[in-house]
PDB file of N, CA and C in Angstrom:
ATOM      1  N   MET A   1       0.797  -1.237 -14.882  1.00  0.00           N
ATOM      2  CA  MET A   1       0.983  -1.287 -13.454  1.00  0.00           C
ATOM      3  C   MET A   1       2.019  -0.474 -13.281  1.00  0.00           C
ATOM      4  N   LYS A   2       1.700   0.608 -12.285  1.00  0.00           N
ATOM      5  CA  LYS A   2       2.825   1.416 -11.931  1.00  0.00           C
ATOM      6  C   LYS A   2       3.516   0.868 -10.421  1.00  0.00           C
ATOM      7  N   LYS A   3       4.608   1.453 -10.144  1.00  0.00           N
ATOM      8  CA  LYS A   3       5.210   1.139  -9.110  1.00  0.00           C
ATOM      9  C   LYS A   3       5.867   2.335  -8.213  1.00  0.00           C
ATOM     10  N   ILE A   4       5.849   2.173  -6.846  1.00  0.00           N
ATOM     11  CA  ILE A   4       6.399   3.230  -5.902  1.00  0.00           C
ATOM     12  C   ILE A   4       7.190   2.505  -4.875  1.00  0.00           C
ATOM     13  N   ARG A   5       8.333   2.857  -4.612  1.00  0.00           N
ATOM     14  CA  ARG A   5       9.180   2.495  -3.397  1.00  0.00           C
ATOM     15  C   ARG A   5       9.099   3.807  -2.525  1.00  0.00           C
ATOM     16  N   GLY A   6       9.128   3.329  -1.236  1.00  0.00           N
ATOM     17  CA  GLY A   6       9.180   4.325  -0.204  1.00  0.00           C
ATOM     18  C   GLY A   6       8.636   3.724   1.423  1.00  0.00           C
ATOM     19  N   LEU A   7       8.279   4.228   2.135  1.00  0.00           N
ATOM     20  CA  LEU A   7       7.945   4.112   3.680  1.00  0.00           C
ATOM     21  C   LEU A   7       6.495   3.959   3.866  1.00  0.00           C
ATOM     22  N   ILE A   8       5.993   3.307   4.509  1.00  0.00           N
ATOM     23  CA  ILE A   8       4.498   3.200   4.979  1.00  0.00           C
ATOM     24  C   ILE A   8       4.576   4.151   6.124  1.00  0.00           C
ATOM     25  N   THR A   9       4.004   5.616   6.039  1.00  0.00           N
ATOM     26  CA  THR A   9       3.805   6.511   6.946  1.00  0.00           C
ATOM     27  C   THR A   9       2.625   6.389   7.691  1.00  0.00           C
ATOM     28  N   ALA A  10       1.409   5.873   7.187  1.00  0.00           N
ATOM     29  CA  ALA A  10       0.327   5.840   7.954  1.00  0.00           C
ATOM     30  C   ALA A  10      -0.602   4.781   7.370  1.00  0.00           C
ATOM     31  N   THR A  11      -1.523   4.189   8.242  1.00  0.00           N
ATOM     32  CA  THR A  11      -2.629   3.176   7.737  1.00  0.00           C
ATOM     33  C   THR A  11      -3.910   3.433   8.387  1.00  0.00           C
ATOM     34  N   LYS A  12      -4.715   3.192   7.566  1.00  0.00           N
ATOM     35  CA  LYS A  12      -6.358   3.381   7.908  1.00  0.00           C
ATOM     36  C   LYS A  12      -6.906   2.120   7.508  1.00  0.00           C
ATOM     37  N   LEU A  13      -6.947   1.102   8.306  1.00  0.00           N
ATOM     38  CA  LEU A  13      -7.512  -0.310   7.916  1.00  0.00           C
ATOM     39  C   LEU A  13      -8.370  -0.919   8.781  1.00  0.00           C
ATOM     40  N   SER A  14      -9.162  -1.505   8.247  1.00  0.00           N
ATOM     41  CA  SER A  14     -10.170  -2.371   9.031  1.00  0.00           C
ATOM     42  C   SER A  14      -9.936  -3.998   8.572  1.00  0.00           C
ATOM     43  N   ASP A  15     -10.530  -4.887   9.506  1.00  0.00           N
ATOM     44  CA  ASP A  15     -10.378  -6.202   9.293  1.00  0.00           C
ATOM     45  C   ASP A  15     -11.708  -6.847   9.141  1.00  0.00           C
ATOM     46  N   LEU A  16     -12.074  -7.740   8.034  1.00  0.00           N
ATOM     47  CA  LEU A  16     -13.286  -8.308   8.090  1.00  0.00           C
ATOM     48  C   LEU A  16     -13.383  -9.381   9.151  1.00  0.00           C
ATOM     49  N   SER A  17     -14.577  -9.294   9.946  1.00  0.00           N
ATOM     50  CA  SER A  17     -14.559 -10.184  11.089  1.00  0.00           C
ATOM     51  C   SER A  17     -14.588 -11.790  10.902  1.00  0.00           C
ATOM     52  N   GLU A  18     -15.010 -12.191   9.905  1.00  0.00           N
ATOM     53  CA  GLU A  18     -15.262 -13.775   9.523  1.00  0.00           C
ATOM     54  C   GLU A  18     -13.864 -14.172   8.750  1.00  0.00           C
ATOM     55  N   GLU A  19     -13.045 -13.277   8.183  1.00  0.00           N
ATOM     56  CA  GLU A  19     -11.884 -13.607   7.409  1.00  0.00           C
ATOM     57  C   GLU A  19     -10.726 -12.750   7.900  1.00  0.00           C
ATOM     58  N   ASP A  20      -9.475 -13.387   7.401  1.00  0.00           N
ATOM     59  CA  ASP A  20      -8.414 -12.839   7.829  1.00  0.00           C
ATOM     60  C   ASP A  20      -8.093 -11.748   6.548  1.00  0.00           C
ATOM     61  N   VAL A  21      -8.808 -10.854   6.303  1.00  0.00           N
ATOM     62  CA  VAL A  21      -8.583  -9.906   5.253  1.00  0.00           C
ATOM     63  C   VAL A  21      -8.650  -8.560   5.764  1.00  0.00           C
ATOM     64  N   ARG A  22      -7.764  -7.704   5.440  1.00  0.00           N
ATOM     65  CA  ARG A  22      -7.755  -6.113   5.778  1.00  0.00           C
ATOM     66  C   ARG A  22      -7.965  -5.272   4.697  1.00  0.00           C
ATOM     67  N   PHE A  23      -8.554  -4.328   4.762  1.00  0.00           N
ATOM     68  CA  PHE A  23      -8.883  -3.514   3.852  1.00  0.00           C
ATOM     69  C   PHE A  23      -9.156  -1.874   4.365  1.00  0.00           C
ATOM     70  N   GLY A  24      -8.765  -1.080   3.387  1.00  0.00           N
ATOM     71  CA  GLY A  24      -8.676   0.463   3.880  1.00  0.00           C
ATOM     72  C   GLY A  24      -7.405   1.027   2.841  1.00  0.00           C
ATOM     73  N   PHE A  25      -6.778   2.048   3.587  1.00  0.00           N
ATOM     74  CA  PHE A  25      -5.957   2.784   3.038  1.00  0.00           C
ATOM     75  C   PHE A  25      -4.625   2.806   3.554  1.00  0.00           C
ATOM     76  N   ILE A  26      -3.463   2.792   2.897  1.00  0.00           N
ATOM     77  CA  ILE A  26      -2.021   3.116   3.455  1.00  0.00           C
ATOM     78  C   ILE A  26      -1.551   4.529   2.805  1.00  0.00           C
ATOM     79  N   THR A  27      -0.564   5.202   3.481  1.00  0.00           N
ATOM     80  CA  THR A  27       0.170   6.326   2.886  1.00  0.00           C
ATOM     81  C   THR A  27       1.601   5.734   2.651  1.00  0.00           C
ATOM     82  N   ILE A  28       2.113   6.030   1.802  1.00  0.00           N
ATOM     83  CA  ILE A  28       3.352   5.832   1.200  1.00  0.00           C
ATOM     84  C   ILE A  28       4.091   7.273   0.761  1.00  0.00           C
ATOM     85  N   LYS A  29       5.261   7.270   1.529  1.00  0.00           N
ATOM     86  CA  LYS A  29       6.231   8.522   1.358  1.00  0.00           C
ATOM     87  C   LYS A  29       7.215   7.906   0.299  1.00  0.00           C
ATOM     88  N   SER A  30       7.223   8.619  -0.871  1.00  0.00           N
ATOM     89  CA  SER A  30       8.236   8.076  -1.940  1.00  0.00           C
ATOM     90  C   SER A  30       9.726   8.364  -1.442  1.00  0.00           C
ATOM     91  N   ASP A  31      10.607   7.302  -1.901  1.00  0.00           N
ATOM     92  CA  ASP A  31      11.991   7.443  -1.551  1.00  0.00           C
ATOM     93  C   ASP A  31      12.676   8.523  -2.662  1.00  0.00           C
ATOM     94  N   THR A  32      12.066   8.829  -3.739  1.00  0.00           N
ATOM     95  CA  THR A  32      12.786   9.548  -4.594  1.00  0.00           C
ATOM     96  C   THR A  32      12.311  11.005  -4.523  1.00  0.00           C
ATOM     97  N   ASP A  33      11.178  11.264  -4.231  1.00  0.00           N
ATOM     98  CA  ASP A  33      10.942  12.708  -4.153  1.00  0.00           C
ATOM     99  C   ASP A  33      10.004  13.308  -3.077  1.00  0.00           C
ATOM    100  N   ASP A  34       9.963  12.385  -2.201  1.00  0.00           N
ATOM    101  CA  ASP A  34       9.254  12.722  -0.870  1.00  0.00           C
ATOM    102  C   ASP A  34       7.919  13.133  -1.067  1.00  0.00           C
ATOM    103  N   LYS A  35       7.140  12.905  -1.952  1.00  0.00           N
ATOM    104  CA  LYS A  35       5.625  12.877  -2.187  1.00  0.00           C
ATOM    105  C   LYS A  35       5.085  11.722  -1.445  1.00  0.00           C
ATOM    106  N   THR A  36       3.900  12.096  -1.117  1.00  0.00           N
ATOM    107  CA  THR A  36       3.083  11.092  -0.355  1.00  0.00           C
ATOM    108  C   THR A  36       1.996  10.633  -1.267  1.00  0.00           C
ATOM    109  N   ILE A  37       1.478   9.560  -1.049  1.00  0.00           N
ATOM    110  CA  ILE A  37       0.326   8.741  -2.042  1.00  0.00           C
ATOM    111  C   ILE A  37      -0.495   7.813  -1.075  1.00  0.00           C
ATOM    112  N   ASP A  38      -1.719   8.018  -1.145  1.00  0.00           N
ATOM    113  CA  ASP A  38      -2.713   7.319  -0.340  1.00  0.00           C
ATOM    114  C   ASP A  38      -3.274   6.006  -1.378  1.00  0.00           C
ATOM    115  N   ILE A  39      -2.754   4.552  -1.219  1.00  0.00           N
ATOM    116  CA  ILE A  39      -3.173   3.835  -1.862  1.00  0.00           C
ATOM    117  C   ILE A  39      -4.167   2.771  -1.182  1.00  0.00           C
ATOM    118  N   LYS A  40      -5.333   2.345  -1.775  1.00  0.00           N
ATOM    119  CA  LYS A  40      -6.133   1.350  -1.340  1.00  0.00           C
ATOM    120  C   LYS A  40      -5.749  -0.056  -1.312  1.00  0.00           C
ATOM    121  N   VAL A  41      -5.981  -0.700  -0.042  1.00  0.00           N
ATOM    122  CA  VAL A  41      -5.545  -1.825   0.082  1.00  0.00           C
ATOM    123  C   VAL A  41      -6.982  -2.971   0.009  1.00  0.00           C
ATOM    124  N   ASP A  42      -7.121  -4.091  -0.487  1.00  0.00           N
ATOM    125  CA  ASP A  42      -8.253  -4.793  -0.473  1.00  0.00           C
ATOM    126  C   ASP A  42      -7.914  -6.309  -0.391  1.00  0.00           C
ATOM    127  N   ASN A  43      -9.043  -7.160  -0.701  1.00  0.00           N
ATOM    128  CA  ASN A  43      -8.607  -8.710  -0.444  1.00  0.00           C
ATOM    129  C   ASN A  43      -7.989  -9.075  -1.612  1.00  0.00           C
ATOM    130  N   TYR A  44      -7.788  -8.323  -2.782  1.00  0.00           N
ATOM    131  CA  TYR A  44      -6.783  -8.650  -3.766  1.00  0.00           C
ATOM    132  C   TYR A  44      -5.458  -8.274  -3.792  1.00  0.00           C
ATOM    133  N   THR A  45      -5.066  -7.535  -2.808  1.00  0.00           N
ATOM    134  CA  THR A  45      -3.792  -7.157  -2.533  1.00  0.00           C
ATOM    135  C   THR A  45      -2.801  -8.268  -1.569  1.00  0.00           C
ATOM    136  N   GLU A  46      -1.589  -8.529  -2.363  1.00  0.00           N
ATOM    137  CA  GLU A  46      -0.786  -9.347  -1.795  1.00  0.00           C
ATOM    138  C   GLU A  46       0.179  -8.595  -1.091  1.00  0.00           C
ATOM    139  N   TYR A  47       0.411  -8.854   0.411  1.00  0.00           N
ATOM    140  CA  TYR A  47       1.463  -8.376   0.984  1.00  0.00           C
ATOM    141  C   TYR A  47       1.999  -9.140   2.389  1.00  0.00           C
ATOM    142  N   ASP A  48       2.810  -8.983   2.918  1.00  0.00           N
ATOM    143  CA  ASP A  48       3.350  -9.548   4.118  1.00  0.00           C
ATOM    144  C   ASP A  48       3.067  -8.641   5.352  1.00  0.00           C
ATOM    145  N   SER A  49       3.133  -7.354   5.148  1.00  0.00           N
ATOM    146  CA  SER A  49       3.024  -6.430   6.425  1.00  0.00           C
ATOM    147  C   SER A  49       2.635  -5.227   5.966  1.00  0.00           C
ATOM    148  N   LEU A  50       1.564  -4.628   6.587  1.00  0.00           N
ATOM    149  CA  LEU A  50       1.323  -3.075   6.204  1.00  0.00           C
ATOM    150  C   LEU A  50       1.522  -2.150   7.424  1.00  0.00           C
ATOM    151  N   GLU A  51       2.676  -2.435   8.499  1.00  0.00           N
ATOM    152  CA  GLU A  51       2.971  -1.605   9.646  1.00  0.00           C
ATOM    153  C   GLU A  51       3.535  -0.482   9.117  1.00  0.00           C
ATOM    154  N   PRO A  52       3.153   0.665   9.736  1.00  0.00           N
ATOM    155  CA  PRO A  52       3.971   2.027   9.399  1.00  0.00           C
ATOM    156  C   PRO A  52       5.479   1.834  10.000  1.00  0.00           C
ATOM    157  N   GLY A  53       6.167   2.597   9.164  1.00  0.00           N
ATOM    158  CA  GLY A  53       7.650   2.485   9.249  1.00  0.00           C
ATOM    159  C   GLY A  53       8.358   1.401   8.391  1.00  0.00           C
ATOM    160  N   LYS A  54       7.484   0.474   7.688  1.00  0.00           N
ATOM    161  CA  LYS A  54       8.243  -0.471   6.960  1.00  0.00           C
ATOM    162  C   LYS A  54       8.655   0.073   5.458  1.00  0.00           C
ATOM    163  N   SER A  55       9.783  -0.271   4.949  1.00  0.00           N
ATOM    164  CA  SER A  55       9.990   0.200   3.630  1.00  0.00           C
ATOM    165  C   SER A  55       9.344  -0.866   2.553  1.00  0.00           C
ATOM    166  N   VAL A  56       8.967  -0.332   1.597  1.00  0.00           N
ATOM    167  CA  VAL A  56       8.107  -1.392   0.668  1.00  0.00           C
ATOM    168  C   VAL A  56       8.321  -0.914  -0.742  1.00  0.00           C
ATOM    169  N   GLU A  57       8.176  -1.825  -1.634  1.00  0.00           N
ATOM    170  CA  GLU A  57       7.590  -1.362  -3.077  1.00  0.00           C
ATOM    171  C   GLU A  57       6.308  -1.883  -3.468  1.00  0.00           C
ATOM    172  N   VAL A  58       5.340  -0.834  -4.014  1.00  0.00           N
ATOM    173  CA  VAL A  58       3.977  -1.128  -4.093  1.00  0.00           C
ATOM    174  C   VAL A  58       3.818  -1.197  -5.640  1.00  0.00           C
ATOM    175  N   GLU A  59       3.279  -2.216  -6.207  1.00  0.00           N
ATOM    176  CA  GLU A  59       2.550  -2.376  -7.458  1.00  0.00           C
ATOM    177  C   GLU A  59       1.132  -1.919  -7.323  1.00  0.00           C
ATOM    178  N   TYR A  60       0.721  -0.783  -8.012  1.00  0.00           N
ATOM    179  CA  TYR A  60      -0.645  -0.399  -8.085  1.00  0.00           C
ATOM    180  C   TYR A  60      -1.090   0.204  -9.364  1.00  0.00           C
ATOM    181  N   GLU A  61      -2.463   0.327  -9.508  1.00  0.00           N
ATOM    182  CA  GLU A  61      -3.119   0.731 -10.676  1.00  0.00           C
ATOM    183  C   GLU A  61      -4.420   1.660 -10.249  1.00  0.00           C
ATOM    184  N   THR A  62      -4.642   2.276 -11.173  1.00  0.00           N
ATOM    185  CA  THR A  62      -5.912   3.257 -10.942  1.00  0.00           C
ATOM    186  C   THR A  62      -7.265   2.169 -10.884  1.00  0.00           C
ATOM    187  N   LEU A  63      -8.043   2.381 -10.185  1.00  0.00           N
ATOM    188  CA  LEU A  63      -9.236   1.867  -9.968  1.00  0.00           C
ATOM    189  C   LEU A  63     -10.308   2.390 -10.963  1.00  0.00           C
ATOM    190  N   GLY A  64     -10.318   1.733 -11.970  1.00  0.00           N
ATOM    191  CA  GLY A  64     -11.448   2.055 -12.966  1.00  0.00           C
ATOM    192  C   GLY A  64     -11.216   3.369 -13.543  1.00  0.00           C
ATOM    193  N   ASN A  65     -12.068   4.059 -13.580  1.00  0.00           N
ATOM    194  CA  ASN A  65     -11.933   5.560 -14.069  1.00  0.00           C
ATOM    195  C   ASN A  65     -12.160   6.708 -13.016  1.00  0.00           C
ATOM    196  N   THR A  66     -11.302   6.022 -11.829  1.00  0.00           N
ATOM    197  CA  THR A  66     -11.426   7.196 -10.647  1.00  0.00           C
ATOM    198  C   THR A  66     -10.144   7.688 -10.389  1.00  0.00           C
ATOM    199  N   ASP A  67      -9.875   8.510  -9.450  1.00  0.00           N
ATOM    200  CA  ASP A  67      -8.707   9.120  -8.820  1.00  0.00           C
ATOM    201  C   ASP A  67      -8.110   8.121  -7.735  1.00  0.00           C
ATOM    202  N   VAL A  68      -8.683   7.024  -7.501  1.00  0.00           N
ATOM    203  CA  VAL A  68      -8.316   6.211  -6.440  1.00  0.00           C
ATOM    204  C   VAL A  68      -7.199   5.025  -6.975  1.00  0.00           C
ATOM    205  N   PHE A  69      -6.172   4.950  -6.177  1.00  0.00           N
ATOM    206  CA  PHE A  69      -4.986   3.846  -6.658  1.00  0.00           C
ATOM    207  C   PHE A  69      -5.264   2.694  -5.739  1.00  0.00           C
ATOM    208  N   VAL A  70      -5.071   1.632  -6.137  1.00  0.00           N
ATOM    209  CA  VAL A  70      -5.260   0.433  -5.403  1.00  0.00           C
ATOM    210  C   VAL A  70      -4.182  -0.572  -5.758  1.00  0.00           C
ATOM    211  N   ALA A  71      -3.359  -1.155  -4.691  1.00  0.00           N
ATOM    212  CA  ALA A  71      -2.359  -1.786  -4.578  1.00  0.00           C
ATOM    213  C   ALA A  71      -2.749  -3.271  -5.028  1.00  0.00           C
ATOM    214  N   ARG A  72      -1.865  -3.993  -5.860  1.00  0.00           N
ATOM    215  CA  ARG A  72      -1.985  -5.361  -6.297  1.00  0.00           C
ATOM    216  C   ARG A  72      -1.067  -6.212  -5.299  1.00  0.00           C
ATOM    217  N   LYS A  73       0.471  -5.436  -5.302  1.00  0.00           N
ATOM    218  CA  LYS A  73       1.558  -6.212  -4.429  1.00  0.00           C
ATOM    219  C   LYS A  73       2.291  -5.254  -3.712  1.00  0.00           C
ATOM    220  N   ILE A  74       2.603  -5.479  -2.450  1.00  0.00           N
ATOM    221  CA  ILE A  74       3.361  -4.817  -1.385  1.00  0.00           C
ATOM    222  C   ILE A  74       4.501  -5.728  -0.943  1.00  0.00           C
ATOM    223  N   LEU A  75       5.709  -5.323  -1.391  1.00  0.00           N
ATOM    224  CA  LEU A  75       6.695  -6.093  -1.187  1.00  0.00           C
ATOM    225  C   LEU A  75       7.847  -5.522  -0.360  1.00  0.00           C
ATOM    226  N   PRO A  76       8.341  -6.174   0.687  1.00  0.00           N
ATOM    227  CA  PRO A  76       9.146  -5.530   1.721  1.00  0.00           C
ATOM    228  C   PRO A  76      10.380  -5.159   0.959  1.00  0.00           C
ATOM    229  N   LEU A  77      11.092  -4.344   1.386  1.00  0.00           N
ATOM    230  CA  LEU A  77      12.511  -3.935   1.037  1.00  0.00           C
ATOM    231  C   LEU A  77      13.441  -3.917   1.914  1.00  0.00           C
ATOM    232  N   SER A  78      14.769  -4.621   1.920  1.00  0.00           N
ATOM    233  CA  SER A  78      15.616  -4.627   2.844  1.00  0.00           C
ATOM    234  C   SER A  78      16.059  -3.134   3.037  1.00  0.00           C
ATOM    235  N   LYS A  79      16.516  -2.886   4.457  1.00  0.00           N
ATOM    236  CA  LYS A  79      17.280  -1.623   4.686  1.00  0.00           C
ATOM    237  C   LYS A  79      18.800  -1.931   4.725  1.00  0.00           C
ATOM    238  N   GLU A  80      19.393  -1.187   3.644  1.00  0.00           N
ATOM    239  CA  GLU A  80      20.719  -1.527   3.681  1.00  0.00           C
ATOM    240  C   GLU A  80      21.605  -0.434   3.599  1.00  0.00           C
TER     241      GLU A  80
END
């Protein structure tokens, strides 16, 4: 499992109509090197908020043998 800390800069999300599940992609701008990374969010992702502007730590992994990263946990970070 890999981790990245940073700011959610963009979201491309959809809601499943029958359930309270969101899926799609979020873009994270890293705190350490200003790189951006697109990470998939699905019904297996644990999170409190996916709002742009939030500081988060994301635990993610590569989806199978693709170049797609999928988030497993998105934890809020306090701004100090």
